[in-house]
Amino acid sequence: MSWDKSMEGSQHREVVLEIEHIKVVRKRAKTKLAICGECKKTTDFITLPRAAELFSINRSDLFEFIQSSGCHFRVENGQVIMLCLTDLLTTMSKRMRTGTVKLLGEKNHEEGSL
């Protein structure tokens, strides 16, 4: 019996297959270790311009995201915006539909944040 004849009279269905690809992007940026007043621990801080460059986004869009998401940041010398990288990555991961954003070499925390 041929394939065409065996399918006659049977119900047909369509199958949709979605395949996700993981993409690893490696970029480097200098950070400064400091105590985050909100995390209550020593963490990496990165300047707003460096973070924008790291994530390929303009500074104003990144700052708007930080403010709307309540990310931890501080202002040094009255002008330099320093972002808590740990909190920023955690917030970005929560906002993404799928996948996570994390530092390479970091172990996942129990909450699944980094």
PDB file of N, CA and C in Angstrom:
ATOM      1  N   MET A   1       0.845  -1.155   0.000  1.00  0.00           N
ATOM      2  CA  MET A   1       0.000   0.000   0.000  1.00  0.00           C
ATOM      3  C   MET A   1       0.905   1.237   0.000  1.00  0.00           C
ATOM      4  N   SER A   2       0.621   2.141  -0.894  1.00  0.00           N
ATOM      5  CA  SER A   2       1.460   3.333  -0.989  1.00  0.00           C
ATOM      6  C   SER A   2       1.035   4.350   0.067  1.00  0.00           C
ATOM      7  N   TRP A   3       1.917   5.308   0.314  1.00  0.00           N
ATOM      8  CA  TRP A   3       1.682   6.357   1.307  1.00  0.00           C
ATOM      9  C   TRP A   3       0.415   7.149   0.972  1.00  0.00           C
ATOM     10  N   ASP A   4       0.257   7.556  -0.289  1.00  0.00           N
ATOM     11  CA  ASP A   4      -0.893   8.358  -0.690  1.00  0.00           C
ATOM     12  C   ASP A   4      -2.202   7.614  -0.452  1.00  0.00           C
ATOM     13  N   LYS A   5      -2.222   6.337  -0.760  1.00  0.00           N
ATOM     14  CA  LYS A   5      -3.456   5.577  -0.599  1.00  0.00           C
ATOM     15  C   LYS A   5      -3.773   5.343   0.873  1.00  0.00           C
ATOM     16  N   SER A   6      -2.763   5.169   1.714  1.00  0.00           N
ATOM     17  CA  SER A   6      -3.023   4.922   3.131  1.00  0.00           C
ATOM     18  C   SER A   6      -3.527   6.187   3.823  1.00  0.00           C
ATOM     19  N   MET A   7      -3.238   7.362   3.274  1.00  0.00           N
ATOM     20  CA  MET A   7      -3.657   8.619   3.875  1.00  0.00           C
ATOM     21  C   MET A   7      -5.053   9.033   3.408  1.00  0.00           C
ATOM     22  N   GLU A   8      -5.562   8.390   2.358  1.00  0.00           N
ATOM     23  CA  GLU A   8      -6.886   8.740   1.858  1.00  0.00           C
ATOM     24  C   GLU A   8      -7.919   8.472   2.932  1.00  0.00           C
ATOM     25  N   GLY A   9      -8.808   9.419   3.131  1.00  0.00           N
ATOM     26  CA  GLY A   9      -9.880   9.240   4.088  1.00  0.00           C
ATOM     27  C   GLY A   9      -9.476   9.483   5.532  1.00  0.00           C
ATOM     28  N   SER A  10      -8.192   9.586   5.819  1.00  0.00           N
ATOM     29  CA  SER A  10      -7.771   9.831   7.201  1.00  0.00           C
ATOM     30  C   SER A  10      -7.733  11.334   7.472  1.00  0.00           C
ATOM     31  N   GLN A  11      -7.801  11.679   8.706  1.00  0.00           N
ATOM     32  CA  GLN A  11      -7.717  13.086   9.074  1.00  0.00           C
ATOM     33  C   GLN A  11      -6.254  13.513   9.040  1.00  0.00           C
ATOM     34  N   HIS A  12      -6.022  14.730   8.567  1.00  0.00           N
ATOM     35  CA  HIS A  12      -4.678  15.258   8.499  1.00  0.00           C
ATOM     36  C   HIS A  12      -4.505  16.330   9.562  1.00  0.00           C
ATOM     37  N   ARG A  13      -3.322  16.398  10.109  1.00  0.00           N
ATOM     38  CA  ARG A  13      -2.995  17.444  11.068  1.00  0.00           C
ATOM     39  C   ARG A  13      -1.677  18.074  10.653  1.00  0.00           C
ATOM     40  N   GLU A  14      -1.487  19.261  11.112  1.00  0.00           N
ATOM     41  CA  GLU A  14      -0.239  19.963  10.840  1.00  0.00           C
ATOM     42  C   GLU A  14       0.561  20.026  12.129  1.00  0.00           C
ATOM     43  N   VAL A  15       1.833  19.739  12.022  1.00  0.00           N
ATOM     44  CA  VAL A  15       2.716  19.790  13.174  1.00  0.00           C
ATOM     45  C   VAL A  15       3.634  20.988  13.011  1.00  0.00           C
ATOM     46  N   VAL A  16       3.757  21.789  14.074  1.00  0.00           N
ATOM     47  CA  VAL A  16       4.644  22.935  14.052  1.00  0.00           C
ATOM     48  C   VAL A  16       5.786  22.652  15.019  1.00  0.00           C
ATOM     49  N   LEU A  17       6.990  22.767  14.536  1.00  0.00           N
ATOM     50  CA  LEU A  17       8.176  22.506  15.338  1.00  0.00           C
ATOM     51  C   LEU A  17       8.925  23.808  15.542  1.00  0.00           C
ATOM     52  N   GLU A  18       9.154  24.176  16.805  1.00  0.00           N
ATOM     53  CA  GLU A  18       9.924  25.375  17.120  1.00  0.00           C
ATOM     54  C   GLU A  18      11.237  24.939  17.749  1.00  0.00           C
ATOM     55  N   ILE A  19      12.316  25.483  17.252  1.00  0.00           N
ATOM     56  CA  ILE A  19      13.637  25.161  17.788  1.00  0.00           C
ATOM     57  C   ILE A  19      14.281  26.447  18.256  1.00  0.00           C
ATOM     58  N   GLU A  20      14.686  26.471  19.521  1.00  0.00           N
ATOM     59  CA  GLU A  20      15.372  27.633  20.062  1.00  0.00           C
ATOM     60  C   GLU A  20      16.871  27.404  19.974  1.00  0.00           C
ATOM     61  N   HIS A  21      17.575  28.448  19.625  1.00  0.00           N
ATOM     62  CA  HIS A  21      19.023  28.377  19.577  1.00  0.00           C
ATOM     63  C   HIS A  21      19.587  29.247  20.685  1.00  0.00           C
ATOM     64  N   ILE A  22      20.562  28.740  21.377  1.00  0.00           N
ATOM     65  CA  ILE A  22      21.219  29.517  22.414  1.00  0.00           C
ATOM     66  C   ILE A  22      22.402  30.218  21.774  1.00  0.00           C
ATOM     67  N   LYS A  23      22.493  31.488  22.047  1.00  0.00           N
ATOM     68  CA  LYS A  23      23.575  32.282  21.479  1.00  0.00           C
ATOM     69  C   LYS A  23      24.422  32.831  22.626  1.00  0.00           C
ATOM     70  N   VAL A  24      25.691  32.540  22.599  1.00  0.00           N
ATOM     71  CA  VAL A  24      26.605  33.060  23.609  1.00  0.00           C
ATOM     72  C   VAL A  24      27.342  34.242  23.000  1.00  0.00           C
ATOM     73  N   VAL A  25      27.214  35.380  23.651  1.00  0.00           N
ATOM     74  CA  VAL A  25      27.891  36.592  23.215  1.00  0.00           C
ATOM     75  C   VAL A  25      28.874  36.965  24.308  1.00  0.00           C
ATOM     76  N   ARG A  26      30.129  37.122  23.943  1.00  0.00           N
ATOM     77  CA  ARG A  26      31.135  37.478  24.941  1.00  0.00           C
ATOM     78  C   ARG A  26      31.617  38.892  24.697  1.00  0.00           C
ATOM     79  N   LYS A  27      31.423  39.717  25.695  1.00  0.00           N
ATOM     80  CA  LYS A  27      31.909  41.083  25.672  1.00  0.00           C
ATOM     81  C   LYS A  27      32.561  41.341  27.018  1.00  0.00           C
ATOM     82  N   ARG A  28      33.476  42.263  27.037  1.00  0.00           N
ATOM     83  CA  ARG A  28      34.171  42.582  28.284  1.00  0.00           C
ATOM     84  C   ARG A  28      33.921  44.023  28.674  1.00  0.00           C
ATOM     85  N   ALA A  29      33.869  44.233  29.978  1.00  0.00           N
ATOM     86  CA  ALA A  29      33.730  45.592  30.511  1.00  0.00           C
ATOM     87  C   ALA A  29      34.333  45.608  31.912  1.00  0.00           C
ATOM     88  N   LYS A  30      34.971  46.689  32.243  1.00  0.00           N
ATOM     89  CA  LYS A  30      35.555  46.849  33.579  1.00  0.00           C
ATOM     90  C   LYS A  30      34.450  47.200  34.566  1.00  0.00           C
ATOM     91  N   THR A  31      34.519  46.609  35.740  1.00  0.00           N
ATOM     92  CA  THR A  31      33.580  46.901  36.810  1.00  0.00           C
ATOM     93  C   THR A  31      34.351  47.342  38.047  1.00  0.00           C
ATOM     94  N   LYS A  32      33.617  47.840  39.019  1.00  0.00           N
ATOM     95  CA  LYS A  32      34.206  48.276  40.279  1.00  0.00           C
ATOM     96  C   LYS A  32      33.465  47.556  41.394  1.00  0.00           C
ATOM     97  N   LEU A  33      34.198  46.889  42.268  1.00  0.00           N
ATOM     98  CA  LEU A  33      33.562  46.230  43.403  1.00  0.00           C
ATOM     99  C   LEU A  33      33.231  47.268  44.464  1.00  0.00           C
ATOM    100  N   ALA A  34      31.991  47.243  44.931  1.00  0.00           N
ATOM    101  CA  ALA A  34      31.544  48.162  45.972  1.00  0.00           C
ATOM    102  C   ALA A  34      30.342  47.544  46.677  1.00  0.00           C
ATOM    103  N   ILE A  35      30.014  48.067  47.815  1.00  0.00           N
ATOM    104  CA  ILE A  35      28.847  47.585  48.555  1.00  0.00           C
ATOM    105  C   ILE A  35      27.595  48.244  47.992  1.00  0.00           C
ATOM    106  N   CYS A  36      26.651  47.416  47.614  1.00  0.00           N
ATOM    107  CA  CYS A  36      25.359  47.925  47.138  1.00  0.00           C
ATOM    108  C   CYS A  36      24.481  48.129  48.376  1.00  0.00           C
ATOM    109  N   GLY A  37      24.015  49.345  48.555  1.00  0.00           N
ATOM    110  CA  GLY A  37      23.185  49.666  49.713  1.00  0.00           C
ATOM    111  C   GLY A  37      21.884  48.892  49.758  1.00  0.00           C
ATOM    112  N   GLU A  38      21.370  48.494  48.585  1.00  0.00           N
ATOM    113  CA  GLU A  38      20.097  47.777  48.549  1.00  0.00           C
ATOM    114  C   GLU A  38      20.290  46.258  48.598  1.00  0.00           C
ATOM    115  N   CYS A  39      21.354  45.748  47.957  1.00  0.00           N
ATOM    116  CA  CYS A  39      21.649  44.311  48.009  1.00  0.00           C
ATOM    117  C   CYS A  39      22.254  43.931  49.366  1.00  0.00           C
ATOM    118  N   LYS A  40      22.867  44.919  50.030  1.00  0.00           N
ATOM    119  CA  LYS A  40      23.548  44.718  51.307  1.00  0.00           C
ATOM    120  C   LYS A  40      24.722  43.757  51.191  1.00  0.00           C
ATOM    121  N   LYS A  41      25.420  43.833  50.039  1.00  0.00           N
ATOM    122  CA  LYS A  41      26.610  42.999  49.859  1.00  0.00           C
ATOM    123  C   LYS A  41      27.525  43.650  48.834  1.00  0.00           C
ATOM    124  N   THR A  42      28.756  43.182  48.779  1.00  0.00           N
ATOM    125  CA  THR A  42      29.712  43.672  47.791  1.00  0.00           C
ATOM    126  C   THR A  42      29.374  43.061  46.446  1.00  0.00           C
ATOM    127  N   THR A  43      29.272  43.902  45.450  1.00  0.00           N
ATOM    128  CA  THR A  43      28.902  43.446  44.113  1.00  0.00           C
ATOM    129  C   THR A  43      29.611  44.289  43.063  1.00  0.00           C
ATOM    130  N   ASP A  44      29.483  43.883  41.825  1.00  0.00           N
ATOM    131  CA  ASP A  44      30.083  44.627  40.709  1.00  0.00           C
ATOM    132  C   ASP A  44      29.205  45.814  40.348  1.00  0.00           C
ATOM    133  N   PHE A  45      29.833  46.965  40.155  1.00  0.00           N
ATOM    134  CA  PHE A  45      29.152  48.154  39.644  1.00  0.00           C
ATOM    135  C   PHE A  45      29.787  48.519  38.312  1.00  0.00           C
ATOM    136  N   ILE A  46      28.968  48.968  37.397  1.00  0.00           N
ATOM    137  CA  ILE A  46      29.430  49.346  36.064  1.00  0.00           C
ATOM    138  C   ILE A  46      28.835  50.713  35.725  1.00  0.00           C
ATOM    139  N   THR A  47      29.581  51.523  35.001  1.00  0.00           N
ATOM    140  CA  THR A  47      29.057  52.836  34.625  1.00  0.00           C
ATOM    141  C   THR A  47      27.939  52.666  33.601  1.00  0.00           C
ATOM    142  N   LEU A  48      27.041  53.624  33.577  1.00  0.00           N
ATOM    143  CA  LEU A  48      25.937  53.594  32.618  1.00  0.00           C
ATOM    144  C   LEU A  48      26.435  53.513  31.175  1.00  0.00           C
ATOM    145  N   PRO A  49      27.428  54.333  30.768  1.00  0.00           N
ATOM    146  CA  PRO A  49      27.907  54.238  29.380  1.00  0.00           C
ATOM    147  C   PRO A  49      28.498  52.870  29.036  1.00  0.00           C
ATOM    148  N   ARG A  50      29.253  52.285  29.979  1.00  0.00           N
ATOM    149  CA  ARG A  50      29.840  50.954  29.721  1.00  0.00           C
ATOM    150  C   ARG A  50      28.752  49.891  29.626  1.00  0.00           C
ATOM    151  N   ALA A  51      27.750  49.978  30.472  1.00  0.00           N
ATOM    152  CA  ALA A  51      26.651  49.010  30.432  1.00  0.00           C
ATOM    153  C   ALA A  51      25.871  49.126  29.127  1.00  0.00           C
ATOM    154  N   ALA A  52      25.629  50.354  28.698  1.00  0.00           N
ATOM    155  CA  ALA A  52      24.917  50.564  27.427  1.00  0.00           C
ATOM    156  C   ALA A  52      25.702  49.954  26.271  1.00  0.00           C
ATOM    157  N   GLU A  53      27.009  50.133  26.303  1.00  0.00           N
ATOM    158  CA  GLU A  53      27.876  49.557  25.266  1.00  0.00           C
ATOM    159  C   GLU A  53      27.851  48.031  25.348  1.00  0.00           C
ATOM    160  N   LEU A  54      27.902  47.503  26.558  1.00  0.00           N
ATOM    161  CA  LEU A  54      27.904  46.060  26.779  1.00  0.00           C
ATOM    162  C   LEU A  54      26.641  45.393  26.231  1.00  0.00           C
ATOM    163  N   PHE A  55      25.503  46.060  26.422  1.00  0.00           N
ATOM    164  CA  PHE A  55      24.224  45.492  25.986  1.00  0.00           C
ATOM    165  C   PHE A  55      23.740  46.041  24.650  1.00  0.00           C
ATOM    166  N   SER A  56      24.584  46.829  23.981  1.00  0.00           N
ATOM    167  CA  SER A  56      24.257  47.390  22.663  1.00  0.00           C
ATOM    168  C   SER A  56      22.922  48.140  22.668  1.00  0.00           C
ATOM    169  N   ILE A  57      22.799  49.072  23.599  1.00  0.00           N
ATOM    170  CA  ILE A  57      21.590  49.880  23.733  1.00  0.00           C
ATOM    171  C   ILE A  57      22.031  51.312  24.016  1.00  0.00           C
ATOM    172  N   ASN A  58      21.199  52.278  23.673  1.00  0.00           N
ATOM    173  CA  ASN A  58      21.626  53.646  23.962  1.00  0.00           C
ATOM    174  C   ASN A  58      21.423  53.952  25.443  1.00  0.00           C
ATOM    175  N   ARG A  59      22.179  54.907  25.928  1.00  0.00           N
ATOM    176  CA  ARG A  59      22.216  55.228  27.365  1.00  0.00           C
ATOM    177  C   ARG A  59      20.855  55.624  27.919  1.00  0.00           C
ATOM    178  N   SER A  60      20.139  56.445  27.184  1.00  0.00           N
ATOM    179  CA  SER A  60      18.849  56.919  27.710  1.00  0.00           C
ATOM    180  C   SER A  60      17.834  55.782  27.816  1.00  0.00           C
ATOM    181  N   ASP A  61      17.827  54.858  26.862  1.00  0.00           N
ATOM    182  CA  ASP A  61      16.916  53.710  26.938  1.00  0.00           C
ATOM    183  C   ASP A  61      17.274  52.807  28.120  1.00  0.00           C
ATOM    184  N   LEU A  62      18.567  52.613  28.330  1.00  0.00           N
ATOM    185  CA  LEU A  62      18.999  51.780  29.452  1.00  0.00           C
ATOM    186  C   LEU A  62      18.629  52.440  30.774  1.00  0.00           C
ATOM    187  N   PHE A  63      18.851  53.741  30.886  1.00  0.00           N
ATOM    188  CA  PHE A  63      18.516  54.429  32.129  1.00  0.00           C
ATOM    189  C   PHE A  63      17.013  54.409  32.378  1.00  0.00           C
ATOM    190  N   GLU A  64      16.232  54.542  31.326  1.00  0.00           N
ATOM    191  CA  GLU A  64      14.769  54.464  31.452  1.00  0.00           C
ATOM    192  C   GLU A  64      14.355  53.079  31.960  1.00  0.00           C
ATOM    193  N   PHE A  65      14.999  52.023  31.435  1.00  0.00           N
ATOM    194  CA  PHE A  65      14.733  50.657  31.889  1.00  0.00           C
ATOM    195  C   PHE A  65      15.086  50.513  33.370  1.00  0.00           C
ATOM    196  N   ILE A  66      16.219  51.053  33.759  1.00  0.00           N
ATOM    197  CA  ILE A  66      16.683  50.958  35.143  1.00  0.00           C
ATOM    198  C   ILE A  66      15.701  51.646  36.085  1.00  0.00           C
ATOM    199  N   GLN A  67      15.263  52.827  35.711  1.00  0.00           N
ATOM    200  CA  GLN A  67      14.322  53.559  36.557  1.00  0.00           C
ATOM    201  C   GLN A  67      12.959  52.873  36.629  1.00  0.00           C
ATOM    202  N   SER A  68      12.445  52.416  35.492  1.00  0.00           N
ATOM    203  CA  SER A  68      11.122  51.789  35.473  1.00  0.00           C
ATOM    204  C   SER A  68      11.118  50.425  36.165  1.00  0.00           C
ATOM    205  N   SER A  69      12.281  49.768  36.203  1.00  0.00           N
ATOM    206  CA  SER A  69      12.383  48.441  36.811  1.00  0.00           C
ATOM    207  C   SER A  69      12.835  48.489  38.261  1.00  0.00           C
ATOM    208  N   GLY A  70      13.250  49.655  38.721  1.00  0.00           N
ATOM    209  CA  GLY A  70      13.713  49.775  40.105  1.00  0.00           C
ATOM    210  C   GLY A  70      15.074  49.155  40.342  1.00  0.00           C
ATOM    211  N   CYS A  71      15.911  49.119  39.308  1.00  0.00           N
ATOM    212  CA  CYS A  71      17.259  48.557  39.453  1.00  0.00           C
ATOM    213  C   CYS A  71      18.103  49.426  40.387  1.00  0.00           C
ATOM    214  N   HIS A  72      19.032  48.783  41.060  1.00  0.00           N
ATOM    215  CA  HIS A  72      19.910  49.476  41.999  1.00  0.00           C
ATOM    216  C   HIS A  72      20.968  50.270  41.239  1.00  0.00           C
ATOM    217  N   PHE A  73      21.128  51.529  41.610  1.00  0.00           N
ATOM    218  CA  PHE A  73      22.197  52.351  41.060  1.00  0.00           C
ATOM    219  C   PHE A  73      22.556  53.422  42.062  1.00  0.00           C
ATOM    220  N   ARG A  74      23.697  54.031  41.858  1.00  0.00           N
ATOM    221  CA  ARG A  74      24.104  55.146  42.701  1.00  0.00           C
ATOM    222  C   ARG A  74      24.852  56.153  41.854  1.00  0.00           C
ATOM    223  N   VAL A  75      24.963  57.358  42.354  1.00  0.00           N
ATOM    224  CA  VAL A  75      25.653  58.420  41.635  1.00  0.00           C
ATOM    225  C   VAL A  75      26.933  58.747  42.397  1.00  0.00           C
ATOM    226  N   GLU A  76      28.057  58.667  41.712  1.00  0.00           N
ATOM    227  CA  GLU A  76      29.347  58.982  42.324  1.00  0.00           C
ATOM    228  C   GLU A  76      29.829  60.331  41.826  1.00  0.00           C
ATOM    229  N   ASN A  77      30.454  61.083  42.697  1.00  0.00           N
ATOM    230  CA  ASN A  77      30.992  62.405  42.364  1.00  0.00           C
ATOM    231  C   ASN A  77      29.938  63.337  41.766  1.00  0.00           C
ATOM    232  N   GLY A  78      28.702  63.105  42.091  1.00  0.00           N
ATOM    233  CA  GLY A  78      27.628  63.969  41.630  1.00  0.00           C
ATOM    234  C   GLY A  78      27.310  63.869  40.149  1.00  0.00           C
ATOM    235  N   GLN A  79      27.965  62.941  39.424  1.00  0.00           N
ATOM    236  CA  GLN A  79      27.704  62.879  37.984  1.00  0.00           C
ATOM    237  C   GLN A  79      27.832  61.500  37.347  1.00  0.00           C
ATOM    238  N   VAL A  80      28.576  60.586  37.944  1.00  0.00           N
ATOM    239  CA  VAL A  80      28.801  59.271  37.335  1.00  0.00           C
ATOM    240  C   VAL A  80      27.765  58.283  37.867  1.00  0.00           C
ATOM    241  N   ILE A  81      26.914  57.777  36.970  1.00  0.00           N
ATOM    242  CA  ILE A  81      25.887  56.796  37.350  1.00  0.00           C
ATOM    243  C   ILE A  81      26.508  55.408  37.311  1.00  0.00           C
ATOM    244  N   MET A  82      26.495  54.760  38.466  1.00  0.00           N
ATOM    245  CA  MET A  82      27.037  53.412  38.596  1.00  0.00           C
ATOM    246  C   MET A  82      25.883  52.446  38.831  1.00  0.00           C
ATOM    247  N   LEU A  83      25.821  51.382  38.029  1.00  0.00           N
ATOM    248  CA  LEU A  83      24.737  50.405  38.098  1.00  0.00           C
ATOM    249  C   LEU A  83      25.200  49.149  38.826  1.00  0.00           C
ATOM    250  N   CYS A  84      24.346  48.623  39.691  1.00  0.00           N
ATOM    251  CA  CYS A  84      24.618  47.343  40.344  1.00  0.00           C
ATOM    252  C   CYS A  84      24.407  46.264  39.282  1.00  0.00           C
ATOM    253  N   LEU A  85      25.484  45.663  38.829  1.00  0.00           N
ATOM    254  CA  LEU A  85      25.408  44.707  37.724  1.00  0.00           C
ATOM    255  C   LEU A  85      24.616  43.458  38.101  1.00  0.00           C
ATOM    256  N   THR A  86      24.769  43.005  39.324  1.00  0.00           N
ATOM    257  CA  THR A  86      24.026  41.820  39.767  1.00  0.00           C
ATOM    258  C   THR A  86      22.524  42.058  39.679  1.00  0.00           C
ATOM    259  N   ASP A  87      22.075  43.200  40.189  1.00  0.00           N
ATOM    260  CA  ASP A  87      20.645  43.509  40.153  1.00  0.00           C
ATOM    261  C   ASP A  87      20.157  43.740  38.725  1.00  0.00           C
ATOM    262  N   LEU A  88      20.973  44.399  37.921  1.00  0.00           N
ATOM    263  CA  LEU A  88      20.601  44.654  36.522  1.00  0.00           C
ATOM    264  C   LEU A  88      20.398  43.340  35.770  1.00  0.00           C
ATOM    265  N   LEU A  89      21.332  42.406  35.907  1.00  0.00           N
ATOM    266  CA  LEU A  89      21.216  41.121  35.212  1.00  0.00           C
ATOM    267  C   LEU A  89      20.011  40.321  35.709  1.00  0.00           C
ATOM    268  N   THR A  90      19.767  40.373  37.011  1.00  0.00           N
ATOM    269  CA  THR A  90      18.606  39.674  37.576  1.00  0.00           C
ATOM    270  C   THR A  90      17.315  40.244  37.009  1.00  0.00           C
ATOM    271  N   THR A  91      17.225  41.561  36.964  1.00  0.00           N
ATOM    272  CA  THR A  91      16.026  42.223  36.441  1.00  0.00           C
ATOM    273  C   THR A  91      15.840  41.927  34.963  1.00  0.00           C
ATOM    274  N   MET A  92      16.931  41.954  34.202  1.00  0.00           N
ATOM    275  CA  MET A  92      16.836  41.644  32.774  1.00  0.00           C
ATOM    276  C   MET A  92      16.348  40.218  32.562  1.00  0.00           C
ATOM    277  N   SER A  93      16.840  39.273  33.359  1.00  0.00           N
ATOM    278  CA  SER A  93      16.413  37.873  33.224  1.00  0.00           C
ATOM    279  C   SER A  93      14.933  37.717  33.507  1.00  0.00           C
ATOM    280  N   LYS A  94      14.432  38.434  34.503  1.00  0.00           N
ATOM    281  CA  LYS A  94      13.007  38.348  34.848  1.00  0.00           C
ATOM    282  C   LYS A  94      12.132  38.942  33.755  1.00  0.00           C
ATOM    283  N   ARG A  95      12.627  39.952  33.055  1.00  0.00           N
ATOM    284  CA  ARG A  95      11.844  40.627  32.012  1.00  0.00           C
ATOM    285  C   ARG A  95      11.827  39.852  30.691  1.00  0.00           C
ATOM    286  N   MET A  96      12.792  38.961  30.509  1.00  0.00           N
ATOM    287  CA  MET A  96      12.854  38.202  29.255  1.00  0.00           C
ATOM    288  C   MET A  96      11.813  37.096  29.287  1.00  0.00           C
ATOM    289  N   ARG A  97      11.193  36.836  28.148  1.00  0.00           N
ATOM    290  CA  ARG A  97      10.199  35.751  28.066  1.00  0.00           C
ATOM    291  C   ARG A  97      10.851  34.402  28.286  1.00  0.00           C
ATOM    292  N   THR A  98      11.991  34.191  27.650  1.00  0.00           N
ATOM    293  CA  THR A  98      12.685  32.919  27.777  1.00  0.00           C
ATOM    294  C   THR A  98      14.158  33.194  27.996  1.00  0.00           C
ATOM    295  N   GLY A  99      14.822  32.234  28.536  1.00  0.00           N
ATOM    296  CA  GLY A  99      16.261  32.350  28.697  1.00  0.00           C
ATOM    297  C   GLY A  99      16.652  33.179  29.901  1.00  0.00           C
ATOM    298  N   THR A 100      17.948  33.295  30.087  1.00  0.00           N
ATOM    299  CA  THR A 100      18.472  34.069  31.191  1.00  0.00           C
ATOM    300  C   THR A 100      19.665  34.867  30.721  1.00  0.00           C
ATOM    301  N   VAL A 101      19.974  35.877  31.479  1.00  0.00           N
ATOM    302  CA  VAL A 101      21.168  36.668  31.245  1.00  0.00           C
ATOM    303  C   VAL A 101      22.018  36.480  32.478  1.00  0.00           C
ATOM    304  N   LYS A 102      23.264  36.063  32.313  1.00  0.00           N
ATOM    305  CA  LYS A 102      24.112  35.854  33.477  1.00  0.00           C
ATOM    306  C   LYS A 102      25.566  36.060  33.112  1.00  0.00           C
ATOM    307  N   LEU A 103      26.375  36.210  34.130  1.00  0.00           N
ATOM    308  CA  LEU A 103      27.807  36.319  33.940  1.00  0.00           C
ATOM    309  C   LEU A 103      28.382  34.925  33.765  1.00  0.00           C
ATOM    310  N   LEU A 104      29.283  34.752  32.820  1.00  0.00           N
ATOM    311  CA  LEU A 104      29.934  33.459  32.663  1.00  0.00           C
ATOM    312  C   LEU A 104      30.766  33.177  33.903  1.00  0.00           C
ATOM    313  N   GLY A 105      30.725  31.945  34.350  1.00  0.00           N
ATOM    314  CA  GLY A 105      31.488  31.562  35.525  1.00  0.00           C
ATOM    315  C   GLY A 105      30.723  31.717  36.832  1.00  0.00           C
ATOM    316  N   GLU A 106      29.580  32.394  36.786  1.00  0.00           N
ATOM    317  CA  GLU A 106      28.764  32.558  37.992  1.00  0.00           C
ATOM    318  C   GLU A 106      27.863  31.341  38.154  1.00  0.00           C
ATOM    319  N   LYS A 107      27.737  30.868  39.378  1.00  0.00           N
ATOM    320  CA  LYS A 107      26.823  29.768  39.661  1.00  0.00           C
ATOM    321  C   LYS A 107      25.425  30.342  39.847  1.00  0.00           C
ATOM    322  N   ASN A 108      24.413  29.556  39.494  1.00  0.00           N
ATOM    323  CA  ASN A 108      23.025  30.000  39.681  1.00  0.00           C
ATOM    324  C   ASN A 108      22.707  30.034  41.167  1.00  0.00           C
ATOM    325  N   HIS A 109      22.037  31.107  41.589  1.00  0.00           N
ATOM    326  CA  HIS A 109      21.589  31.213  42.962  1.00  0.00           C
ATOM    327  C   HIS A 109      20.323  30.395  43.118  1.00  0.00           C
ATOM    328  N   GLU A 110      19.951  30.127  44.350  1.00  0.00           N
ATOM    329  CA  GLU A 110      18.751  29.333  44.609  1.00  0.00           C
ATOM    330  C   GLU A 110      17.522  29.940  43.987  1.00  0.00           C
ATOM    331  N   GLU A 111      17.419  31.292  43.960  1.00  0.00           N
ATOM    332  CA  GLU A 111      16.257  31.926  43.346  1.00  0.00           C
ATOM    333  C   GLU A 111      16.327  31.873  41.843  1.00  0.00           C
ATOM    334  N   GLY A 112      17.430  31.419  41.287  1.00  0.00           N
ATOM    335  CA  GLY A 112      17.589  31.351  39.851  1.00  0.00           C
ATOM    336  C   GLY A 112      17.962  32.675  39.238  1.00  0.00           C
ATOM    337  N   SER A 113      18.494  33.589  40.042  1.00  0.00           N
ATOM    338  CA  SER A 113      18.757  34.928  39.524  1.00  0.00           C
ATOM    339  C   SER A 113      20.024  35.003  38.691  1.00  0.00           C
ATOM    340  N   LEU A 114      21.123  34.509  39.166  1.00  0.00           N
ATOM    341  CA  LEU A 114      22.356  34.581  38.376  1.00  0.00           C
ATOM    342  C   LEU A 114      22.912  33.214  38.199  1.00  0.00           C
TER     343      LEU A 114
END
